[in-house]
Amino acid sequence: MSQAPATSLQDIISHAKEYGFVFPSSEIYDGLQAVYDYGQNGVELKNNLKTVWWKAMTQLHDNIVGIDAAIFMHPLTWKASGHVDGFNDPMIDNKDSKKRYRADQLLEGKAEEYQAAGQDEKAQNLLNEMGRLLSADDLAGVRELIISEGIKCPVSGTANWTDVRQFNLMFSTQVGSVAEDANMIYLRPETAQGIFVNFLNVQKSGRMKVPFGIAQIGKAFRNEIVARQFTFRMREFEQMEMQFFVRPGSEMEWYQSWKEARMKFHQAIGLPTASLKFHDHEKLAHYANAAVDIEYQFPFGFREIEGIHSRTDFDLRNHQELSKKKQQYFDSEINQNYIPYVVETSVGADRLFLATFCNAYTRETVGEGESQKERMYLKLHPALAPVKAAVLPLVKKDGLAEKAQAVTQSLKSSFRTVYDDNAAIGKRYTRQDLIGTPYCIAVDYQTMEDDTVTIRHRDSMEQERVAISELKSKIGYEVAMERILEAI
């Protein structure tokens, strides 16, 4: 039996659409670039990922609580956070193809070419120089670096580049009943600020003591000019963020602690260690004194799925200055007032979905000789699978269908169970494999005699005989979120 990963991102996109995971948004109108809808199986997988993240944060930690802040916020929020003045991407156009690119992504692509050729030092030097130029806001230098590296437009094949310029990524809209009198507000580009402006509300109402964290799952919006790679980079996306408030001076200790904890989470949900790595930032964001990404090896290379940042007291201090409302905490242990420092963990729900989906997409060659054939299935952790169990009667007659439906009903309140009697049972097994269902329960003639059924295991295709009375506890144990939480 041999296994092979997905050969391309196109494999993933095709499978996701065909089996109800992800559809292009408003596809009947030819879609909208970089906007996607989650289908009937995709929404289940994504919800399961959000649930296990939420439980890992708020259930496993006594000092972390959750909130759900509004998408619309007072526009001064984004002035204080630095997004109005500094939330930009460096853009460059090719004059011949008229295509627009992010300058930093062109240079990162060149560095990846060097790495693939075994020239790691050359790649790192290039990234370091890019980081230095971007930190200094030397856009002319960035353009010269692109030209000196011989980077060409993949469409036109030329290096006829425009100047590099900054482009703000925030969407704006109007609030008010009359357009002429409307005030401009923004769709939030991140969920973190909703946490910061509620810091004192949560701390006081929950009598929280530093260190403590506030978690949130919510939509964010960025006007990405170069949006590609399926659900990896979208204009409307979902973040799972936790801001951890700590005593100044202890932030690096907590930064290291959360860095390790978050890597452990990704391994616990089934992402292999070999496909994950840390990547320290060459250029720090305006609010950070330390930052690292957890990257996953997608079919298009290692890319960020989560960022861990030491944000210092940047956000709370700026909100204090602009709002004129104190954002301080009295620490009774040291008898001192201070603005807490913050360590942030921020994972993209859509990116985590894509990483989980890519990792689960499995092709295997099974059988020997002439009976050899290719098998495809989604090797999802049982707790994350959209459907946990499928009940399949061997045939529709002789009371087997009714018995199978009764079994389905008995399991539905415990975990997501479906009934399927359409086509030969082999085809039904395959259908469930393709959406990642870990257990198929076959109801046959022996079932009618002794109330036992056959459980077929997705990954091994092995079958075992089990009493109907044992199904709920046996399968329930395997598909429970606790199996992931225990491993964190």
Protein backbone atom coordinates (compact mmCIF):
# COMPACT_ATOMS: atom_id res chain seq x y z
CA MET A 1 0.00 0.00 0.00
CA SER A 2 1.56 3.31 -1.05
CA GLN A 3 0.48 6.85 -0.31
CA ALA A 4 0.94 10.11 -2.24
CA PRO A 5 0.09 13.69 -1.28
CA ALA A 6 -2.05 15.99 -3.40
CA THR A 7 -0.15 16.80 -6.57
CA SER A 8 -1.40 20.34 -6.86
CA LEU A 9 -3.63 22.97 -5.34
CA GLN A 10 -6.01 22.29 -8.24
CA ASP A 11 -6.60 18.77 -6.87
CA ILE A 12 -7.67 20.34 -3.57
CA ILE A 13 -9.92 22.96 -5.19
CA SER A 14 -11.64 20.37 -7.39
CA HIS A 15 -12.23 17.94 -4.53
CA ALA A 16 -13.47 20.71 -2.22
CA LYS A 17 -16.08 21.79 -4.76
CA GLU A 18 -17.19 18.35 -5.94
CA TYR A 19 -17.80 17.04 -2.43
CA GLY A 20 -19.50 20.06 -0.85
CA PHE A 21 -16.66 21.67 1.08
CA VAL A 22 -15.98 25.02 -0.66
CA PHE A 23 -17.72 26.78 -3.56
CA PRO A 24 -16.79 30.00 -5.38
CA SER A 25 -19.04 32.77 -4.01
CA SER A 26 -21.98 33.80 -6.25
CA GLU A 27 -20.71 31.39 -8.90
CA ILE A 28 -23.82 31.71 -11.09
CA TYR A 29 -22.64 35.30 -11.73
CA ASP A 30 -19.11 34.06 -12.50
CA GLY A 31 -18.01 34.47 -8.89
CA LEU A 32 -16.16 37.17 -7.00
CA GLN A 33 -12.39 36.96 -6.78
CA ALA A 34 -10.99 35.82 -3.43
CA VAL A 35 -14.42 35.23 -1.87
CA TYR A 36 -15.65 31.69 -1.13
CA ASP A 37 -18.67 29.94 0.39
CA TYR A 38 -18.39 26.88 2.63
CA GLY A 39 -20.66 24.03 1.52
CA GLN A 40 -22.54 21.48 3.60
CA ASN A 41 -19.41 19.48 4.50
CA GLY A 42 -17.03 22.43 4.61
CA VAL A 43 -19.08 24.30 7.21
CA GLU A 44 -19.07 21.23 9.46
CA LEU A 45 -15.28 20.83 9.22
CA LYS A 46 -14.70 24.56 9.77
CA ASN A 47 -17.11 24.65 12.73
CA ASN A 48 -15.35 21.66 14.28
CA LEU A 49 -11.98 23.43 13.93
CA LYS A 50 -13.43 26.57 15.53
CA THR A 51 -14.97 24.53 18.35
CA VAL A 52 -11.77 22.69 19.21
CA TRP A 53 -9.80 25.97 19.16
CA TRP A 54 -12.41 27.62 21.41
CA LYS A 55 -12.37 24.73 23.87
CA ALA A 56 -8.56 24.62 23.83
CA MET A 57 -8.52 28.29 24.84
CA THR A 58 -11.50 28.82 27.14
CA GLN A 59 -12.12 25.32 28.53
CA LEU A 60 -8.55 24.23 29.21
CA HIS A 61 -7.47 27.55 30.77
CA ASP A 62 -9.10 28.99 33.90
CA ASN A 63 -7.73 32.45 33.06
CA ILE A 64 -8.98 32.78 29.46
CA VAL A 65 -12.51 33.91 28.61
CA GLY A 66 -14.21 34.68 25.31
CA ILE A 67 -16.10 37.60 23.78
CA ASP A 68 -17.83 38.37 20.49
CA ALA A 69 -17.22 41.99 19.51
CA ALA A 70 -19.00 43.86 16.71
CA ILE A 71 -17.50 44.12 13.22
CA PHE A 72 -18.20 47.88 13.08
CA MET A 73 -16.13 49.97 15.49
CA HIS A 74 -15.63 53.68 16.10
CA PRO A 75 -13.28 54.94 13.36
CA LEU A 76 -10.81 56.31 15.94
CA THR A 77 -10.17 52.68 16.91
CA TRP A 78 -8.25 52.22 13.67
CA LYS A 79 -6.39 55.49 14.12
CA ALA A 80 -5.17 54.31 17.53
CA SER A 81 -4.25 50.86 16.25
CA GLY A 82 -2.12 52.30 13.43
CA HIS A 83 -4.22 50.82 10.65
CA VAL A 84 -5.27 54.17 9.15
CA ASP A 85 -1.66 55.29 8.73
CA GLY A 86 0.27 52.04 8.46
CA PHE A 87 -1.85 49.12 7.23
CA ASN A 88 -0.33 48.93 3.78
CA ASP A 89 1.11 46.43 1.33
CA PRO A 90 3.93 47.37 -1.08
CA MET A 91 2.54 47.02 -4.63
CA ILE A 92 4.34 46.93 -7.96
CA ASP A 93 2.95 46.68 -11.51
CA ASN A 94 4.44 45.19 -14.64
CA LYS A 95 4.02 47.75 -17.43
CA ASP A 96 3.77 45.11 -20.16
CA SER A 97 1.27 42.66 -18.63
CA LYS A 98 -0.56 45.32 -16.57
CA LYS A 99 -0.55 42.80 -13.70
CA ARG A 100 -0.12 43.95 -10.10
CA TYR A 101 1.99 42.12 -7.53
CA ARG A 102 2.96 42.45 -3.91
CA ALA A 103 6.65 43.40 -3.94
CA ASP A 104 7.44 41.42 -0.79
CA GLN A 105 5.84 38.27 -2.23
CA LEU A 106 7.93 38.52 -5.39
CA LEU A 107 11.08 38.64 -3.28
CA GLU A 108 9.88 35.84 -0.98
CA GLY A 109 9.25 33.72 -4.09
CA LYS A 110 12.83 34.33 -5.23
CA ALA A 111 14.10 33.33 -1.78
CA GLU A 112 12.11 30.10 -2.04
CA GLU A 113 13.82 29.39 -5.38
CA TYR A 114 17.20 29.78 -3.67
CA GLN A 115 16.12 27.46 -0.85
CA ALA A 116 14.91 24.84 -3.33
CA ALA A 117 18.34 25.02 -4.98
CA GLY A 118 20.06 24.46 -1.62
CA GLN A 119 21.23 28.09 -1.33
CA ASP A 120 19.81 28.73 2.14
CA GLU A 121 22.29 31.48 3.05
CA LYS A 122 21.55 33.39 -0.15
CA ALA A 123 17.82 33.07 0.54
CA GLN A 124 18.19 34.36 4.10
CA ASN A 125 20.36 37.28 2.97
CA LEU A 126 17.68 38.28 0.47
CA LEU A 127 14.94 38.14 3.11
CA ASN A 128 17.07 40.13 5.54
CA GLU A 129 17.71 42.84 2.94
CA MET A 130 14.00 42.96 2.06
CA GLY A 131 13.13 43.31 5.75
CA ARG A 132 15.66 46.13 6.18
CA LEU A 133 14.33 48.07 3.17
CA LEU A 134 10.66 47.66 4.17
CA SER A 135 11.39 48.66 7.77
CA ALA A 136 13.08 51.81 6.47
CA ASP A 137 10.14 52.41 4.08
CA ASP A 138 12.71 52.49 1.25
CA LEU A 139 10.34 51.60 -1.60
CA ALA A 140 12.81 52.66 -4.29
CA GLY A 141 15.32 50.27 -2.74
CA VAL A 142 12.73 47.47 -2.84
CA ARG A 143 12.23 48.08 -6.58
CA GLU A 144 16.00 48.03 -7.17
CA LEU A 145 16.27 44.77 -5.23
CA ILE A 146 13.57 43.19 -7.43
CA ILE A 147 15.42 44.30 -10.56
CA SER A 148 18.87 43.27 -9.30
CA GLU A 149 17.53 39.80 -8.45
CA GLY A 150 16.33 39.44 -12.05
CA ILE A 151 12.71 38.91 -11.02
CA LYS A 152 10.38 38.95 -14.01
CA CYS A 153 6.61 39.04 -14.39
CA PRO A 154 5.39 35.46 -14.87
CA VAL A 155 2.82 36.67 -17.43
CA SER A 156 4.89 38.97 -19.68
CA GLY A 157 8.31 37.55 -18.85
CA THR A 158 9.72 41.09 -18.58
CA ALA A 159 11.23 43.15 -15.76
CA ASN A 160 9.54 46.37 -16.89
CA TRP A 161 8.42 47.37 -13.40
CA THR A 162 6.70 50.51 -12.09
CA ASP A 163 7.69 52.18 -8.83
CA VAL A 164 6.68 50.41 -5.61
CA ARG A 165 3.89 52.16 -3.69
CA GLN A 166 1.92 51.46 -0.55
CA PHE A 167 -1.76 50.49 -0.71
CA ASN A 168 -4.07 50.59 2.35
CA LEU A 169 -5.98 47.34 2.79
CA MET A 170 -9.00 48.51 4.79
CA PHE A 171 -12.51 48.48 3.34
CA SER A 172 -14.48 51.63 4.13
CA THR A 173 -18.22 52.21 4.17
CA GLN A 174 -20.71 54.81 5.46
CA VAL A 175 -22.84 54.75 8.58
CA GLY A 176 -25.90 56.99 8.84
CA SER A 177 -29.38 57.26 7.37
CA VAL A 178 -28.55 59.93 4.77
CA ALA A 179 -25.54 59.36 2.54
CA GLU A 180 -24.55 63.04 2.51
CA ASP A 181 -24.43 63.14 6.30
CA ALA A 182 -22.80 59.75 6.65
CA ASN A 183 -19.61 59.17 8.60
CA MET A 184 -16.99 56.90 7.11
CA ILE A 185 -16.26 53.76 9.12
CA TYR A 186 -14.23 50.66 8.33
CA LEU A 187 -14.89 46.96 8.14
CA ARG A 188 -12.48 45.64 10.76
CA PRO A 189 -9.20 44.34 9.26
CA GLU A 190 -8.55 42.24 12.39
CA THR A 191 -10.54 41.06 15.40
CA ALA A 192 -7.92 42.02 18.01
CA GLN A 193 -9.05 45.61 18.52
CA GLY A 194 -12.49 44.45 19.67
CA ILE A 195 -10.68 42.68 22.47
CA PHE A 196 -8.49 45.66 23.40
CA VAL A 197 -11.34 48.16 23.67
CA ASN A 198 -13.15 45.66 25.94
CA PHE A 199 -10.11 44.94 28.11
CA LEU A 200 -11.42 46.79 31.18
CA ASN A 201 -15.03 45.63 30.65
CA VAL A 202 -13.94 42.00 30.80
CA GLN A 203 -11.33 42.51 33.53
CA LYS A 204 -13.74 44.27 35.88
CA SER A 205 -16.91 42.26 35.19
CA GLY A 206 -15.01 38.97 35.38
CA ARG A 207 -12.71 40.06 38.24
CA MET A 208 -9.81 38.82 36.12
CA LYS A 209 -6.26 38.92 37.45
CA VAL A 210 -3.21 39.42 35.23
CA PRO A 211 -2.09 37.21 33.54
CA PHE A 212 -5.36 36.50 31.74
CA GLY A 213 -6.54 36.14 28.17
CA ILE A 214 -9.52 37.12 26.03
CA ALA A 215 -10.38 34.92 23.03
CA GLN A 216 -12.54 35.71 20.02
CA ILE A 217 -13.59 34.15 16.73
CA GLY A 218 -14.86 36.57 14.11
CA LYS A 219 -14.90 37.86 10.56
CA ALA A 220 -12.32 40.34 9.30
CA PHE A 221 -11.95 42.06 5.94
CA ARG A 222 -8.94 43.12 3.89
CA ASN A 223 -8.92 44.55 0.38
CA GLU A 224 -6.21 42.20 -0.86
CA ILE A 225 -5.00 43.35 -4.27
CA VAL A 226 -3.19 40.11 -4.97
CA ALA A 227 -5.60 37.49 -3.66
CA ARG A 228 -4.90 33.94 -4.77
CA GLN A 229 -4.22 30.39 -3.58
CA PHE A 230 -7.83 29.44 -2.89
CA THR A 231 -8.95 30.08 0.72
CA PHE A 232 -5.41 30.96 1.82
CA ARG A 233 -5.75 34.66 1.07
CA MET A 234 -9.29 36.03 0.99
CA ARG A 235 -10.94 39.41 1.25
CA GLU A 236 -13.47 38.16 3.80
CA PHE A 237 -12.01 35.70 6.27
CA GLU A 238 -12.32 34.46 9.83
CA GLN A 239 -9.78 34.84 12.62
CA MET A 240 -9.39 32.96 15.88
CA GLU A 241 -7.43 35.27 18.16
CA MET A 242 -6.46 35.32 21.80
CA GLN A 243 -4.89 38.33 23.50
CA PHE A 244 -3.03 37.40 26.69
CA PHE A 245 -2.48 40.30 29.11
CA VAL A 246 0.70 40.02 31.17
CA ARG A 247 2.83 41.99 33.61
CA PRO A 248 5.43 44.16 31.77
CA GLY A 249 8.77 42.38 31.76
CA SER A 250 7.23 38.89 31.68
CA GLU A 251 6.12 39.08 28.05
CA MET A 252 9.03 37.14 26.50
CA GLU A 253 8.51 34.26 28.89
CA TRP A 254 4.82 34.09 27.94
CA TYR A 255 5.71 34.56 24.26
CA GLN A 256 7.86 31.41 24.38
CA SER A 257 5.19 29.53 26.32
CA TRP A 258 2.42 30.34 23.84
CA LYS A 259 4.69 29.68 20.89
CA GLU A 260 5.17 26.09 22.09
CA ALA A 261 1.52 25.65 23.12
CA ARG A 262 0.22 26.71 19.73
CA MET A 263 2.55 24.36 17.84
CA LYS A 264 1.29 21.53 20.07
CA PHE A 265 -2.31 22.40 19.14
CA HIS A 266 -1.64 22.04 15.41
CA GLN A 267 0.04 18.70 15.97
CA ALA A 268 -2.90 17.54 18.13
CA ILE A 269 -5.45 18.17 15.36
CA GLY A 270 -3.41 15.98 13.03
CA LEU A 271 -0.97 18.24 11.16
CA PRO A 272 2.34 16.33 10.99
CA THR A 273 5.44 17.76 12.65
CA ALA A 274 7.39 17.47 9.39
CA SER A 275 4.89 19.80 7.67
CA LEU A 276 5.08 22.52 10.35
CA LYS A 277 7.82 25.00 11.17
CA PHE A 278 8.44 28.29 12.94
CA HIS A 279 9.41 31.33 10.88
CA ASP A 280 10.69 34.40 12.71
CA HIS A 281 9.72 37.73 11.16
CA GLU A 282 12.39 39.67 9.25
CA LYS A 283 10.28 42.81 9.54
CA LEU A 284 8.37 43.36 12.78
CA ALA A 285 4.92 44.94 12.71
CA HIS A 286 4.65 48.42 14.19
CA TYR A 287 3.22 47.02 17.45
CA ALA A 288 5.56 44.06 18.07
CA ASN A 289 8.88 43.45 19.84
CA ALA A 290 8.89 39.76 18.84
CA ALA A 291 6.93 37.82 16.23
CA VAL A 292 6.92 34.32 14.79
CA ASP A 293 4.71 32.48 12.32
CA ILE A 294 3.74 28.85 12.44
CA GLU A 295 3.92 27.73 8.83
CA TYR A 296 2.38 24.68 7.17
CA GLN A 297 3.68 23.08 3.99
CA PHE A 298 0.85 23.60 1.49
CA PRO A 299 1.08 22.30 -2.10
CA PHE A 300 2.38 25.81 -2.94
CA GLY A 301 5.06 25.83 -0.21
CA PHE A 302 5.41 26.72 3.47
CA ARG A 303 2.98 29.51 4.38
CA GLU A 304 1.70 31.09 7.59
CA ILE A 305 -1.33 29.62 9.35
CA GLU A 306 -0.80 31.32 12.73
CA GLY A 307 1.10 34.27 14.14
CA ILE A 308 2.34 34.64 17.71
CA HIS A 309 3.23 38.24 18.55
CA SER A 310 4.50 40.11 21.56
CA ARG A 311 2.53 43.33 21.07
CA THR A 312 4.00 45.20 24.10
CA ASP A 313 1.53 47.79 25.48
CA PHE A 314 1.15 49.43 22.06
CA ASP A 315 -2.59 48.92 21.65
CA LEU A 316 -3.83 49.72 25.15
CA ARG A 317 -1.49 52.71 25.44
CA ASN A 318 -2.66 54.16 22.11
CA HIS A 319 -6.32 53.62 22.98
CA GLN A 320 -5.69 55.32 26.33
CA GLU A 321 -4.11 58.34 24.65
CA LEU A 322 -6.76 58.76 21.96
CA SER A 323 -9.85 57.95 24.05
CA LYS A 324 -8.57 59.74 27.18
CA LYS A 325 -9.84 56.73 29.18
CA LYS A 326 -7.32 54.95 31.41
CA GLN A 327 -6.50 51.41 30.32
CA GLN A 328 -4.58 50.44 33.44
CA TYR A 329 -4.61 47.49 35.79
CA PHE A 330 -3.84 47.60 39.50
CA ASP A 331 -1.63 44.64 40.40
CA SER A 332 -2.15 43.99 44.11
CA GLU A 333 0.76 41.53 44.25
CA ILE A 334 3.29 44.27 43.50
CA ASN A 335 1.07 47.20 44.58
CA GLN A 336 1.44 48.90 41.20
CA ASN A 337 -0.66 50.37 38.41
CA TYR A 338 0.42 49.59 34.85
CA ILE A 339 -0.77 49.12 31.30
CA PRO A 340 -0.44 45.36 30.66
CA TYR A 341 1.72 43.99 27.88
CA VAL A 342 0.07 41.61 25.43
CA VAL A 343 1.05 38.32 23.82
CA GLU A 344 -1.20 37.50 20.88
CA THR A 345 -1.98 34.21 19.19
CA SER A 346 -3.81 34.68 15.90
CA VAL A 347 -4.78 31.79 13.63
CA GLY A 348 -6.74 32.08 10.41
CA ALA A 349 -9.76 29.74 10.53
CA ASP A 350 -9.80 29.55 6.72
CA ARG A 351 -6.07 28.85 6.52
CA LEU A 352 -6.35 26.19 9.21
CA PHE A 353 -9.25 24.67 7.27
CA LEU A 354 -7.13 24.61 4.10
CA ALA A 355 -4.11 23.11 5.90
CA THR A 356 -6.31 20.42 7.49
CA PHE A 357 -7.95 19.67 4.15
CA CYS A 358 -4.64 19.49 2.24
CA ASN A 359 -3.14 17.26 4.92
CA ALA A 360 -6.16 14.94 4.91
CA TYR A 361 -6.31 14.56 1.11
CA THR A 362 -4.86 11.08 0.61
CA ARG A 363 -4.30 8.91 -2.44
CA GLU A 364 -3.36 5.28 -1.90
CA THR A 365 -2.60 2.36 -4.14
CA VAL A 366 -4.28 -0.72 -2.70
CA GLY A 367 -4.27 -4.37 -3.76
CA GLU A 368 -1.70 -6.40 -5.65
CA GLY A 369 -1.08 -7.20 -9.31
CA GLU A 370 -4.08 -6.89 -11.60
CA SER A 371 -6.40 -6.09 -8.70
CA GLN A 372 -4.33 -3.03 -7.81
CA LYS A 373 -6.26 0.24 -7.83
CA GLU A 374 -6.06 3.79 -6.55
CA ARG A 375 -8.05 4.79 -3.51
CA MET A 376 -8.77 8.34 -2.40
CA TYR A 377 -10.04 9.50 0.99
CA LEU A 378 -9.84 12.37 3.47
CA LYS A 379 -7.77 11.30 6.46
CA LEU A 380 -9.32 13.72 8.94
CA HIS A 381 -9.08 13.38 12.70
CA PRO A 382 -12.39 11.64 13.65
CA ALA A 383 -13.34 14.57 15.91
CA LEU A 384 -13.04 17.00 12.98
CA ALA A 385 -14.80 14.96 10.28
CA PRO A 386 -18.04 16.52 8.96
CA VAL A 387 -19.88 13.21 9.38
CA LYS A 388 -18.80 10.85 12.16
CA ALA A 389 -20.68 7.74 11.08
CA ALA A 390 -22.73 6.51 8.12
CA VAL A 391 -25.25 3.70 8.50
CA LEU A 392 -25.60 1.54 5.39
CA PRO A 393 -28.09 -1.31 4.95
CA LEU A 394 -26.68 -4.12 2.80
CA VAL A 395 -29.92 -4.12 0.81
CA LYS A 396 -33.17 -2.14 1.06
CA LYS A 397 -35.43 -5.19 1.51
CA ASP A 398 -36.25 -7.71 4.24
CA GLY A 399 -36.41 -5.07 6.96
CA LEU A 400 -32.71 -4.11 6.70
CA ALA A 401 -33.47 -0.53 5.64
CA GLU A 402 -35.83 0.01 8.57
CA LYS A 403 -33.32 -1.50 10.99
CA ALA A 404 -30.54 0.75 9.63
CA GLN A 405 -32.78 3.82 9.96
CA ALA A 406 -33.49 2.91 13.58
CA VAL A 407 -29.74 2.60 14.25
CA THR A 408 -29.20 6.01 12.64
CA GLN A 409 -31.83 7.62 14.84
CA SER A 410 -30.32 6.09 17.98
CA LEU A 411 -26.93 7.68 17.24
CA LYS A 412 -27.95 11.13 15.94
CA SER A 413 -28.22 12.80 19.33
CA SER A 414 -24.61 11.82 20.18
CA PHE A 415 -22.75 12.66 16.97
CA ARG A 416 -23.48 13.49 13.32
CA THR A 417 -24.77 10.32 11.69
CA VAL A 418 -26.20 9.87 8.18
CA TYR A 419 -28.18 7.10 6.51
CA ASP A 420 -27.41 6.02 2.92
CA ASP A 421 -29.02 3.19 0.92
CA ASN A 422 -28.33 4.50 -2.58
CA ALA A 423 -26.14 2.28 -4.89
CA ALA A 424 -23.96 -0.73 -4.11
CA ILE A 425 -22.40 -0.76 -0.64
CA GLY A 426 -18.87 -0.49 -2.08
CA LYS A 427 -19.78 2.78 -3.78
CA ARG A 428 -21.34 4.04 -0.56
CA TYR A 429 -18.10 3.30 1.32
CA THR A 430 -16.19 5.27 -1.30
CA ARG A 431 -18.64 8.17 -1.06
CA GLN A 432 -18.06 8.41 2.69
CA ASP A 433 -14.28 8.07 2.27
CA LEU A 434 -14.29 11.09 -0.02
CA ILE A 435 -15.82 13.34 2.66
CA GLY A 436 -13.69 11.86 5.46
CA THR A 437 -16.32 9.87 7.41
CA PRO A 438 -14.26 7.75 9.84
CA TYR A 439 -16.83 4.97 10.47
CA CYS A 440 -19.31 3.17 8.23
CA ILE A 441 -21.81 0.86 9.91
CA ALA A 442 -23.16 -1.96 7.73
CA VAL A 443 -26.51 -3.50 8.63
CA ASP A 444 -26.85 -7.03 7.15
CA TYR A 445 -28.87 -10.19 7.61
CA GLN A 446 -26.86 -11.22 10.68
CA THR A 447 -27.95 -7.94 12.27
CA MET A 448 -31.54 -9.12 12.10
CA GLU A 449 -30.59 -12.23 14.05
CA ASP A 450 -28.23 -10.99 16.79
CA ASP A 451 -28.32 -7.14 16.78
CA THR A 452 -24.67 -6.83 15.71
CA VAL A 453 -23.32 -4.69 12.86
CA THR A 454 -20.05 -4.34 10.98
CA ILE A 455 -17.98 -1.19 11.56
CA ARG A 456 -15.64 -0.37 8.67
CA HIS A 457 -12.71 1.87 9.59
CA ARG A 458 -11.93 4.54 6.98
CA ASP A 459 -8.12 4.58 7.12
CA SER A 460 -7.36 0.85 7.31
CA MET A 461 -10.61 -0.41 5.67
CA GLU A 462 -10.63 -3.09 8.36
CA GLN A 463 -13.99 -4.34 9.60
CA GLU A 464 -15.12 -5.48 13.02
CA ARG A 465 -18.33 -6.92 14.38
CA VAL A 466 -19.92 -4.87 17.17
CA ALA A 467 -23.19 -5.02 19.09
CA ILE A 468 -25.58 -2.17 18.27
CA SER A 469 -25.74 -1.39 21.99
CA GLU A 470 -21.98 -0.62 21.97
CA LEU A 471 -21.96 1.76 18.97
CA LYS A 472 -22.74 4.96 20.85
CA SER A 473 -19.94 4.53 23.40
CA LYS A 474 -17.37 3.02 21.02
CA ILE A 475 -17.69 5.54 18.20
CA GLY A 476 -18.58 8.37 20.58
CA TYR A 477 -15.26 7.96 22.36
CA GLU A 478 -13.24 8.12 19.12
CA VAL A 479 -15.01 11.16 17.65
CA ALA A 480 -15.10 13.25 20.83
CA MET A 481 -13.25 16.59 20.96
CA GLU A 482 -11.66 15.34 24.22
CA ARG A 483 -9.32 13.13 22.14
CA ILE A 484 -7.75 16.29 20.70
CA LEU A 485 -7.87 18.29 23.93
CA GLU A 486 -6.11 15.47 25.81
CA ALA A 487 -3.19 15.71 23.39
CA ILE A 488 -2.67 19.45 23.83
